[in-house]
């Protein structure tokens, strides 16, 4: 026994390194605090995009220990200063994530306390907080009290939960799969297609409904297609609409689609991952009329509420459909299965072990109130109009008036292939890197996307970005040998 105790004590001494004392904890916190302040303070002066790869073997795990200062330096140089700086207000390319500072405080508290908020038995407070956030969102979108929801890692898992519930509610399995029909548009987010493959619906009939000039789904065509499919003996069962597409920020005619779904008894799913929280603004609230008709919807707080990456949300009206897909018991969990328990997050999600995401959302909402969030959303709407006006004045073509804060532009050169010219223009923009823009294909044409959602994007950000674009335009003209400003 003595040898056993000695061995345990020896290992205890070594493993004690995993529990720093208060003095060292404060030293660590001070170092991370200094990094955070320096990082945020330098955001305006740093480029948004660096075309560079990490130093080879820089992240290799070895038995050699490093000091925290060395680790922070590696993070700063190899992660923070390479690729897209997602914390920068000059990130105007993909749908920008948020990263408000106070959300990190919530994550720090959740990580230190290591809360497990998957089951009410383990953390009634944590589950209560997450369910309160779900209830708050149900109120925003006028969902019924009996609807269920979950805070997920993002829109991909949120859509997966919703589509799985739709599949099981309509019992789409076996031979029924190949005769079942889903209706969507070509601007439906690609995570939807991934989710359908994952849940075994790869072989359903997919009907791509055309878009109008504002990139919104054609509801008349949708109605006619459903009726045609029924006449062919097929089984229409789901419509997937968007409330803020990634390509153009378009909002489909939600009310009209909702009426069609109800008339034909189809599951109506809305992907509002990017655009959903714009419903909080009186400027755009009317555009979301009909969202309450959906059977399920997805919205990302790490987009429209400017939180750090890693928090999406799904709402589903039909609890039993969600439970059919995701609720599972086990003998070792029997202590946690109380009849009067509220909805357990683990019962409405593929995740059993999950990060306690609620604190990163609840803390900022409590600390700041909702008013600054709404103001920030409305600011992005006006900034979108502002950059479109500046680009038009500079000679660029711009797409139609956007529904939200995503738009696009291109330059029409004379005697040079339009796509070739704009691809080269984007190359110069990426090489400069002071602001980041992305591209997409619309009606077979290459265009440069503008996505304004970062809470750090301000008037001066847009002014600097447009000046950079004009400088890159001049470089593109020189590259193609264009001398005339009108060319």
Protein backbone atom coordinates (compact mmCIF):
# COMPACT_ATOMS: atom_id res chain seq x y z
CA UNK A 1 0.00 0.00 0.00
CA UNK A 2 2.85 2.40 0.84
CA UNK A 3 4.36 1.98 -2.65
CA UNK A 4 0.96 2.70 -4.16
CA UNK A 5 0.55 5.85 -2.09
CA UNK A 6 4.07 7.02 -2.94
CA UNK A 7 3.38 6.50 -6.63
CA UNK A 8 0.14 8.48 -6.40
CA UNK A 9 1.86 11.32 -4.56
CA UNK A 10 4.64 11.43 -7.15
CA UNK A 11 2.12 11.73 -9.98
CA UNK A 12 0.11 14.26 -7.99
CA UNK A 13 3.15 16.51 -7.80
CA UNK A 14 3.65 16.36 -11.56
CA UNK A 15 -0.02 16.82 -12.44
CA UNK A 16 -0.32 19.82 -10.12
CA UNK A 17 0.99 21.92 -13.00
CA UNK A 18 -2.53 21.77 -14.43
CA UNK A 19 -3.82 23.82 -11.47
CA UNK A 20 -1.84 27.10 -11.40
CA UNK A 21 -2.00 28.98 -8.13
CA UNK A 22 -3.65 32.38 -7.85
CA UNK A 23 -0.43 34.29 -8.43
CA UNK A 24 0.24 32.48 -11.71
CA UNK A 25 -3.39 32.71 -12.74
CA UNK A 26 -3.18 36.47 -12.43
CA UNK A 27 0.07 36.55 -14.39
CA UNK A 28 -1.54 34.53 -17.19
CA UNK A 29 -4.66 36.69 -17.20
CA UNK A 30 -2.56 39.85 -17.36
CA UNK A 31 -0.63 38.52 -20.35
CA UNK A 32 -3.79 37.55 -22.23
CA UNK A 33 -5.37 40.89 -21.28
CA UNK A 34 -2.37 42.76 -22.70
CA UNK A 35 -2.58 40.74 -25.91
CA UNK A 36 -6.32 41.42 -26.21
CA UNK A 37 -5.92 45.15 -25.72
CA UNK A 38 -3.04 45.40 -28.17
CA UNK A 39 -4.95 43.31 -30.73
CA UNK A 40 -8.10 45.42 -30.53
CA UNK A 41 -6.19 48.72 -30.44
CA UNK A 42 -4.27 47.80 -33.61
CA UNK A 43 -7.25 46.64 -35.66
CA UNK A 44 -7.65 49.90 -37.58
CA UNK A 45 -3.99 50.09 -38.54
CA UNK A 46 -3.59 46.41 -39.44
CA UNK A 47 -4.47 44.99 -42.83
CA UNK A 48 -7.58 42.85 -42.95
CA UNK A 49 -6.18 40.19 -45.26
CA UNK A 50 -2.72 38.65 -45.57
CA UNK A 51 -2.11 36.03 -48.24
CA UNK A 52 0.29 33.91 -46.22
CA UNK A 53 0.58 30.39 -44.84
CA UNK A 54 1.73 29.44 -41.33
CA UNK A 55 5.43 28.81 -40.78
CA UNK A 56 6.10 25.07 -41.32
CA UNK A 57 5.95 23.01 -38.10
CA UNK A 58 5.18 26.08 -36.01
CA UNK A 59 2.25 24.33 -34.30
CA UNK A 60 4.02 20.99 -33.81
CA UNK A 61 3.41 19.38 -30.42
CA UNK A 62 6.58 18.28 -28.63
CA UNK A 63 7.57 17.43 -25.06
CA UNK A 64 9.25 20.83 -24.72
CA UNK A 65 7.28 23.41 -22.75
CA UNK A 66 6.78 27.00 -23.85
CA UNK A 67 6.14 30.09 -21.82
CA UNK A 68 2.75 31.77 -22.25
CA UNK A 69 4.43 34.82 -23.76
CA UNK A 70 5.94 32.64 -26.51
CA UNK A 71 2.57 31.01 -27.16
CA UNK A 72 0.81 34.36 -27.44
CA UNK A 73 3.50 35.54 -29.85
CA UNK A 74 2.95 32.47 -32.06
CA UNK A 75 -0.80 33.07 -32.02
CA UNK A 76 -0.38 36.73 -32.92
CA UNK A 77 2.05 36.15 -35.81
CA UNK A 78 0.80 32.86 -37.23
CA UNK A 79 -2.97 33.16 -36.72
CA UNK A 80 -3.84 36.76 -36.05
CA UNK A 81 -1.74 38.16 -38.89
CA UNK A 82 -2.39 35.56 -41.60
CA UNK A 83 -5.51 35.00 -43.68
CA UNK A 84 -8.65 37.07 -43.03
CA UNK A 85 -8.74 39.06 -39.82
CA UNK A 86 -12.31 38.18 -38.86
CA UNK A 87 -12.28 40.73 -36.03
CA UNK A 88 -11.57 43.62 -38.39
CA UNK A 89 -14.26 46.08 -39.42
CA UNK A 90 -12.68 45.97 -42.88
CA UNK A 91 -13.86 42.37 -43.29
CA UNK A 92 -16.45 43.06 -46.00
CA UNK A 93 -16.27 39.77 -47.88
CA UNK A 94 -17.97 36.70 -46.48
CA UNK A 95 -20.72 37.24 -43.91
CA UNK A 96 -18.51 38.65 -41.14
CA UNK A 97 -18.61 37.14 -37.70
CA UNK A 98 -18.85 39.34 -34.65
CA UNK A 99 -16.48 39.13 -31.73
CA UNK A 100 -17.73 41.72 -29.27
CA UNK A 101 -15.36 41.82 -26.32
CA UNK A 102 -17.94 41.27 -23.59
CA UNK A 103 -18.96 37.91 -25.09
CA UNK A 104 -15.43 36.68 -24.34
CA UNK A 105 -16.05 37.41 -20.67
CA UNK A 106 -19.02 35.07 -20.76
CA UNK A 107 -16.90 32.38 -22.39
CA UNK A 108 -14.16 32.86 -19.80
CA UNK A 109 -16.63 32.38 -16.94
CA UNK A 110 -18.20 29.35 -18.62
CA UNK A 111 -14.79 27.78 -19.25
CA UNK A 112 -13.47 28.43 -15.76
CA UNK A 113 -16.55 26.97 -14.11
CA UNK A 114 -16.71 24.20 -16.76
CA UNK A 115 -20.50 24.16 -16.73
CA UNK A 116 -22.20 21.30 -18.50
CA UNK A 117 -25.47 22.72 -19.78
CA UNK A 118 -26.74 19.74 -21.73
CA UNK A 119 -29.03 18.37 -19.03
CA UNK A 120 -31.12 20.25 -16.48
CA UNK A 121 -30.12 17.80 -13.73
CA UNK A 122 -26.45 18.78 -14.13
CA UNK A 123 -26.94 22.52 -14.48
CA UNK A 124 -30.47 23.79 -13.91
CA UNK A 125 -29.17 27.37 -14.05
CA UNK A 126 -27.26 26.86 -17.28
CA UNK A 127 -30.16 25.09 -18.97
CA UNK A 128 -32.54 27.72 -17.61
CA UNK A 129 -30.41 30.48 -19.14
CA UNK A 130 -30.22 28.80 -22.54
CA UNK A 131 -33.96 28.10 -22.54
CA UNK A 132 -34.63 31.73 -21.65
CA UNK A 133 -32.55 32.81 -24.66
CA UNK A 134 -34.56 30.41 -26.84
CA UNK A 135 -37.80 31.87 -25.43
CA UNK A 136 -36.54 35.39 -26.16
CA UNK A 137 -35.93 34.43 -29.79
CA UNK A 138 -39.34 32.74 -30.01
CA UNK A 139 -40.80 36.10 -29.04
CA UNK A 140 -38.78 37.93 -31.69
CA UNK A 141 -40.05 35.64 -34.46
CA UNK A 142 -43.58 35.22 -33.05
CA UNK A 143 -43.16 31.50 -32.48
CA UNK A 144 -45.55 29.71 -30.09
CA UNK A 145 -44.58 28.98 -26.49
CA UNK A 146 -44.61 25.23 -27.10
CA UNK A 147 -41.91 25.50 -29.81
CA UNK A 148 -38.48 24.14 -28.92
CA UNK A 149 -35.01 25.32 -29.83
CA UNK A 150 -31.32 24.91 -29.32
CA UNK A 151 -28.15 26.98 -29.23
CA UNK A 152 -25.86 25.27 -31.70
CA UNK A 153 -22.30 25.75 -32.95
CA UNK A 154 -23.63 27.62 -35.98
CA UNK A 155 -26.08 27.59 -38.85
CA UNK A 156 -24.89 24.24 -40.23
CA UNK A 157 -25.87 22.22 -37.15
CA UNK A 158 -28.97 24.37 -36.65
CA UNK A 159 -30.13 23.55 -40.19
CA UNK A 160 -29.25 19.90 -39.65
CA UNK A 161 -31.54 19.75 -36.60
CA UNK A 162 -34.41 21.41 -38.45
CA UNK A 163 -34.14 19.27 -41.59
CA UNK A 164 -33.85 16.07 -39.57
CA UNK A 165 -37.04 17.03 -37.73
CA UNK A 166 -38.81 17.70 -41.03
CA UNK A 167 -37.69 14.33 -42.38
CA UNK A 168 -39.01 12.45 -39.37
CA UNK A 169 -42.23 14.46 -39.06
CA UNK A 170 -43.10 13.47 -42.65
CA UNK A 171 -41.59 9.98 -42.26
CA UNK A 172 -39.36 10.31 -45.31
CA UNK A 173 -37.56 6.98 -45.32
CA UNK A 174 -37.08 3.86 -47.40
CA UNK A 175 -38.76 3.83 -50.81
CA UNK A 176 -40.48 7.11 -50.01
CA UNK A 177 -37.22 9.05 -50.33
CA UNK A 178 -36.88 8.92 -54.11
CA UNK A 179 -40.44 10.20 -54.62
CA UNK A 180 -40.23 13.00 -52.06
CA UNK A 181 -39.65 16.56 -53.23
CA UNK A 182 -37.87 19.54 -51.64
CA UNK A 183 -38.19 23.05 -53.06
CA UNK A 184 -35.41 25.64 -52.77
CA UNK A 185 -33.47 28.18 -54.84
CA UNK A 186 -29.95 28.23 -56.22
CA UNK A 187 -29.05 30.76 -53.53
CA UNK A 188 -29.94 28.34 -50.74
CA UNK A 189 -26.86 28.04 -48.52
CA UNK A 190 -24.67 25.05 -49.30
CA UNK A 191 -24.86 23.79 -45.70
CA UNK A 192 -28.45 22.79 -46.53
CA UNK A 193 -27.21 20.43 -49.24
CA UNK A 194 -24.60 19.02 -46.86
CA UNK A 195 -27.24 18.44 -44.19
CA UNK A 196 -29.55 16.63 -46.62
CA UNK A 197 -26.72 14.27 -47.57
CA UNK A 198 -25.86 13.65 -43.93
CA UNK A 199 -29.45 12.75 -42.99
CA UNK A 200 -29.89 10.35 -45.91
CA UNK A 201 -31.97 12.54 -48.21
CA UNK A 202 -29.40 12.79 -50.97
CA UNK A 203 -31.77 11.03 -53.38
CA UNK A 204 -34.87 13.18 -52.89
CA UNK A 205 -36.12 15.17 -55.85
CA UNK A 206 -34.70 18.69 -55.61
CA UNK A 207 -36.64 21.42 -57.38
CA UNK A 208 -34.69 24.64 -57.86
CA UNK A 209 -37.18 27.50 -58.14
CA UNK A 210 -36.13 30.50 -60.21
CA UNK A 211 -35.44 33.94 -58.76
CA UNK A 212 -36.74 37.36 -59.68
CA UNK A 213 -34.53 40.37 -60.46
CA UNK A 214 -34.02 40.90 -56.72
CA UNK A 215 -32.83 37.28 -56.23
CA UNK A 216 -36.04 36.32 -54.40
CA UNK A 217 -37.79 33.01 -54.94
CA UNK A 218 -40.57 33.05 -57.53
CA UNK A 219 -43.64 32.04 -55.49
CA UNK A 220 -45.91 31.58 -58.52
CA UNK A 221 -43.46 29.13 -60.05
CA UNK A 222 -43.20 27.38 -56.68
CA UNK A 223 -46.97 26.90 -56.47
CA UNK A 224 -47.20 25.59 -60.03
CA UNK A 225 -44.28 23.22 -59.52
CA UNK A 226 -45.83 21.68 -56.40
CA UNK A 227 -49.11 21.09 -58.21
CA UNK A 228 -47.27 19.60 -61.18
CA UNK A 229 -45.26 17.26 -58.94
CA UNK A 230 -48.40 16.04 -57.19
CA UNK A 231 -49.96 15.28 -60.57
CA UNK A 232 -46.89 13.18 -61.39
CA UNK A 233 -47.42 11.06 -58.29
CA UNK A 234 -44.51 12.60 -56.38
CA UNK A 235 -44.57 13.53 -52.70
CA UNK A 236 -43.76 17.21 -52.04
CA UNK A 237 -42.90 17.60 -48.36
CA UNK A 238 -40.66 20.62 -47.70
CA UNK A 239 -39.97 24.18 -48.86
CA UNK A 240 -36.70 25.85 -47.86
CA UNK A 241 -36.75 29.64 -48.06
CA UNK A 242 -34.10 32.19 -47.13
CA UNK A 243 -34.34 35.35 -45.06
CA UNK A 244 -31.04 36.86 -46.13
CA UNK A 245 -29.12 34.82 -48.69
CA UNK A 246 -25.34 34.69 -48.52
CA UNK A 247 -24.88 35.66 -52.18
CA UNK A 248 -27.05 38.79 -52.28
CA UNK A 249 -28.76 39.15 -48.90
CA UNK A 250 -32.17 38.57 -50.47
CA UNK A 251 -35.27 37.77 -48.45
CA UNK A 252 -37.70 35.44 -50.19
CA UNK A 253 -41.43 36.33 -50.16
CA UNK A 254 -41.95 34.66 -46.80
CA UNK A 255 -45.66 35.36 -46.43
CA UNK A 256 -46.59 34.05 -49.88
CA UNK A 257 -44.43 30.95 -49.49
CA UNK A 258 -45.92 30.31 -46.06
CA UNK A 259 -49.45 30.31 -47.50
CA UNK A 260 -48.37 27.88 -50.24
CA UNK A 261 -46.75 25.56 -47.68
CA UNK A 262 -49.89 25.57 -45.51
CA UNK A 263 -52.20 24.93 -48.47
CA UNK A 264 -50.19 21.86 -49.50
CA UNK A 265 -49.28 20.63 -45.98
CA UNK A 266 -45.54 21.03 -46.55
CA UNK A 267 -42.90 21.59 -43.90
CA UNK A 268 -41.78 25.21 -44.22
CA UNK A 269 -38.18 25.87 -43.21
CA UNK A 270 -36.51 29.29 -43.29
CA UNK A 271 -32.76 29.77 -43.20
CA UNK A 272 -32.34 33.19 -41.57
CA UNK A 273 -28.82 32.53 -40.32
CA UNK A 274 -27.46 35.78 -41.71
CA UNK A 275 -30.52 38.01 -41.90
CA UNK A 276 -32.82 36.95 -39.09
CA UNK A 277 -31.92 39.49 -36.44
CA UNK A 278 -32.61 42.39 -38.81
CA UNK A 279 -36.23 41.78 -37.82
CA UNK A 280 -35.36 43.79 -34.69
CA UNK A 281 -35.04 46.93 -36.82
CA UNK A 282 -38.12 48.93 -37.78
CA UNK A 283 -36.30 49.64 -41.07
CA UNK A 284 -36.63 46.02 -42.16
CA UNK A 285 -39.29 44.43 -39.95
CA UNK A 286 -41.92 44.44 -42.71
CA UNK A 287 -39.69 42.37 -44.99
CA UNK A 288 -39.90 39.50 -42.48
CA UNK A 289 -43.68 39.28 -42.52
CA UNK A 290 -44.58 35.61 -42.77
CA UNK A 291 -41.52 34.26 -40.98
CA UNK A 292 -43.84 33.22 -38.15
CA UNK A 293 -45.58 30.83 -40.58
CA UNK A 294 -42.49 28.61 -40.79
CA UNK A 295 -42.28 25.23 -39.07
CA UNK A 296 -38.61 25.77 -38.33
CA UNK A 297 -36.06 28.54 -38.71
CA UNK A 298 -32.37 29.11 -38.18
CA UNK A 299 -30.67 32.30 -37.02
CA UNK A 300 -27.03 32.94 -36.07
CA UNK A 301 -26.25 35.16 -33.06
CA UNK A 302 -22.61 35.08 -34.21
CA UNK A 303 -23.76 37.06 -37.22
CA UNK A 304 -26.66 39.40 -36.44
CA UNK A 305 -25.83 39.83 -32.74
CA UNK A 306 -22.09 40.21 -33.42
CA UNK A 307 -21.05 37.41 -31.04
CA UNK A 308 -17.86 35.39 -31.59
CA UNK A 309 -18.02 32.45 -33.97
CA UNK A 310 -19.59 29.35 -32.53
CA UNK A 311 -23.22 30.14 -31.71
CA UNK A 312 -26.19 29.52 -33.95
CA UNK A 313 -29.80 28.85 -33.02
CA UNK A 314 -32.70 26.77 -34.32
CA UNK A 315 -36.39 27.07 -33.50
CA UNK A 316 -38.88 24.29 -34.32
CA UNK A 317 -42.62 24.43 -33.71
CA UNK A 318 -43.12 20.67 -33.47
CA UNK A 319 -41.51 19.34 -30.31
CA UNK A 320 -42.34 15.71 -31.03
CA UNK A 321 -40.64 15.87 -34.42
CA UNK A 322 -37.44 17.14 -32.81
CA UNK A 323 -37.62 14.58 -30.01
CA UNK A 324 -38.19 11.76 -32.49
CA UNK A 325 -34.88 12.64 -34.13
CA UNK A 326 -32.75 13.58 -31.14
CA UNK A 327 -34.13 12.31 -27.83
CA UNK A 328 -32.36 9.22 -26.49
CA UNK A 329 -31.97 7.75 -23.01
CA UNK A 330 -29.31 5.56 -21.40
CA UNK A 331 -29.10 3.63 -18.15
CA UNK A 332 -26.26 5.76 -16.82
CA UNK A 333 -28.40 8.86 -17.35
CA UNK A 334 -31.33 7.60 -15.30
CA UNK A 335 -30.67 10.00 -12.39
CA UNK A 336 -31.09 12.95 -14.76
CA UNK A 337 -34.42 11.85 -16.24
CA UNK A 338 -36.91 13.77 -14.12
CA UNK A 339 -40.50 14.01 -15.28
CA UNK A 340 -40.85 17.68 -14.35
CA UNK A 341 -37.57 18.69 -16.01
CA UNK A 342 -37.62 21.50 -18.59
CA UNK A 343 -36.42 20.84 -22.14
CA UNK A 344 -32.86 19.51 -22.01
CA UNK A 345 -30.63 20.95 -24.76
CA UNK A 346 -29.23 17.44 -25.29
CA UNK A 347 -32.73 16.20 -26.20
CA UNK A 348 -33.10 18.57 -29.16
CA UNK A 349 -29.63 18.36 -30.69
CA UNK A 350 -27.08 15.79 -31.91
CA UNK A 351 -24.77 17.10 -29.19
CA UNK A 352 -24.77 15.48 -25.77
CA UNK A 353 -21.54 17.09 -24.64
CA UNK A 354 -21.75 20.74 -25.61
CA UNK A 355 -20.08 24.03 -24.81
CA UNK A 356 -22.13 26.23 -22.46
CA UNK A 357 -22.82 28.78 -25.19
CA UNK A 358 -25.50 30.66 -23.33
CA UNK A 359 -23.13 32.91 -21.37
CA UNK A 360 -21.52 34.43 -24.47
CA UNK A 361 -24.98 35.59 -25.56
CA UNK A 362 -26.76 36.28 -22.27
CA UNK A 363 -23.98 38.36 -20.69
CA UNK A 364 -23.72 40.98 -23.49
CA UNK A 365 -27.51 41.28 -23.77
CA UNK A 366 -27.75 41.88 -20.03
CA UNK A 367 -24.75 44.21 -19.88
CA UNK A 368 -25.53 46.37 -22.92
CA UNK A 369 -29.27 45.95 -23.38
CA UNK A 370 -30.75 45.37 -26.83
CA UNK A 371 -30.66 49.00 -28.06
CA UNK A 372 -26.99 49.07 -29.17
CA UNK A 373 -27.48 45.84 -31.12
CA UNK A 374 -30.42 47.29 -33.04
CA UNK A 375 -28.51 50.52 -33.68
CA UNK A 376 -25.60 48.51 -35.05
CA UNK A 377 -27.87 46.57 -37.42
CA UNK A 378 -29.42 49.76 -38.73
CA UNK A 379 -26.00 51.33 -39.13
CA UNK A 380 -25.03 48.43 -41.42
CA UNK A 381 -28.13 49.00 -43.58
CA UNK A 382 -27.23 52.67 -44.08
CA UNK A 383 -23.56 51.85 -44.68
CA UNK A 384 -24.61 49.47 -47.44
CA UNK A 385 -26.48 52.28 -49.19
CA UNK A 386 -23.48 54.55 -48.65
CA UNK A 387 -20.89 52.23 -50.22
CA UNK A 388 -23.20 51.53 -53.17
CA UNK A 389 -23.51 55.27 -53.80
CA UNK A 390 -19.72 55.77 -53.61
CA UNK A 391 -19.03 52.88 -55.97
CA UNK A 392 -21.63 54.10 -58.45
CA UNK A 393 -20.03 57.56 -58.42
CA UNK A 394 -16.67 55.89 -59.08
CA UNK A 395 -17.99 54.28 -62.28
CA UNK A 396 -18.85 50.80 -61.02
CA UNK A 397 -22.03 48.91 -61.79
CA UNK A 398 -24.04 47.89 -58.75
CA UNK A 399 -26.78 45.32 -58.39
CA UNK A 400 -30.39 46.12 -57.48
CA UNK A 401 -31.31 47.66 -54.14
CA UNK A 402 -30.52 44.94 -51.57
CA UNK A 403 -32.93 43.69 -48.93
CA UNK A 404 -30.31 43.84 -46.17
CA UNK A 405 -26.57 44.56 -45.97
CA UNK A 406 -25.14 42.32 -48.70
CA UNK A 407 -24.66 43.75 -52.17
CA UNK A 408 -22.29 43.41 -55.11
CA UNK A 409 -20.55 45.41 -57.83
CA UNK A 410 -18.50 45.03 -60.97
CA UNK A 411 -16.72 47.14 -63.56
CA UNK A 412 -17.70 47.15 -67.24
CA UNK A 413 -14.55 47.60 -69.32
CA UNK A 414 -14.65 48.20 -73.06
CA UNK A 415 -13.14 45.59 -75.38
CA UNK A 416 -12.07 43.31 -72.49
CA UNK A 417 -13.87 40.30 -71.09
CA UNK A 418 -15.85 41.54 -68.10
CA UNK A 419 -15.23 38.49 -65.89
CA UNK A 420 -11.53 38.44 -66.69
CA UNK A 421 -11.20 42.11 -65.77
CA UNK A 422 -13.11 41.82 -62.48
CA UNK A 423 -11.22 38.72 -61.42
CA UNK A 424 -7.98 40.65 -61.91
CA UNK A 425 -9.46 43.59 -59.99
CA UNK A 426 -10.25 41.29 -57.06
CA UNK A 427 -6.71 39.91 -57.19
CA UNK A 428 -5.36 43.44 -56.69
CA UNK A 429 -7.85 44.02 -53.87
CA UNK A 430 -6.70 40.84 -52.11
CA UNK A 431 -3.06 41.71 -52.66
CA UNK A 432 -3.60 45.10 -51.05
CA UNK A 433 -5.47 43.53 -48.13
CA UNK A 434 -6.44 46.72 -46.30
CA UNK A 435 -10.08 45.64 -46.75
CA UNK A 436 -11.36 42.21 -47.71
CA UNK A 437 -14.01 41.52 -50.36
CA UNK A 438 -15.11 38.20 -51.85
CA UNK A 439 -16.81 37.16 -55.09
CA UNK A 440 -19.68 35.07 -56.38
CA UNK A 441 -21.36 34.05 -59.63
CA UNK A 442 -24.75 35.57 -60.46
CA UNK A 443 -26.49 34.51 -63.65
CA UNK A 444 -23.18 33.13 -64.84
CA UNK A 445 -21.34 36.41 -64.28
CA UNK A 446 -18.47 37.09 -61.88
CA UNK A 447 -19.25 39.86 -59.37
CA UNK A 448 -17.52 41.21 -56.26
CA UNK A 449 -19.51 40.86 -53.06
CA UNK A 450 -19.94 43.39 -50.27
CA UNK A 451 -21.07 41.99 -46.93
CA UNK A 452 -21.39 44.61 -44.20
CA UNK A 453 -22.15 43.17 -40.78
CA UNK A 454 -19.13 43.59 -38.52
CA UNK A 455 -19.96 45.83 -35.56
CA UNK A 456 -16.59 47.53 -36.15
CA UNK A 457 -17.42 48.63 -39.71
CA UNK A 458 -17.89 52.42 -39.64
CA UNK A 459 -18.09 55.33 -42.10
CA UNK A 460 -14.32 55.75 -42.17
CA UNK A 461 -13.93 52.00 -42.84
CA UNK A 462 -16.08 52.30 -45.94
CA UNK A 463 -14.31 55.48 -47.10
CA UNK A 464 -10.92 53.77 -46.86
CA UNK A 465 -12.21 50.62 -48.56
CA UNK A 466 -13.61 52.54 -51.52
CA UNK A 467 -10.35 54.47 -51.94
CA UNK A 468 -8.52 51.15 -52.01
CA UNK A 469 -10.94 49.78 -54.62
CA UNK A 470 -10.38 52.83 -56.84
CA UNK A 471 -6.61 52.43 -56.54
CA UNK A 472 -6.93 48.75 -57.47
CA UNK A 473 -9.16 49.69 -60.41
CA UNK A 474 -6.37 51.90 -61.74
CA UNK A 475 -3.93 48.99 -61.35
CA UNK A 476 -6.29 46.68 -63.23
CA UNK A 477 -6.62 49.21 -66.05
CA UNK A 478 -2.85 49.52 -66.32
CA UNK A 479 -2.56 45.72 -66.33
CA UNK A 480 -4.91 45.48 -69.33
CA UNK A 481 -3.42 48.51 -71.04
CA UNK A 482 -6.46 50.71 -70.59
CA UNK A 483 -5.52 54.39 -70.58
CA UNK A 484 -8.90 56.09 -70.86
CA UNK A 485 -10.83 56.55 -67.59
CA UNK A 486 -14.03 55.79 -69.52
CA UNK A 487 -12.68 52.51 -70.89
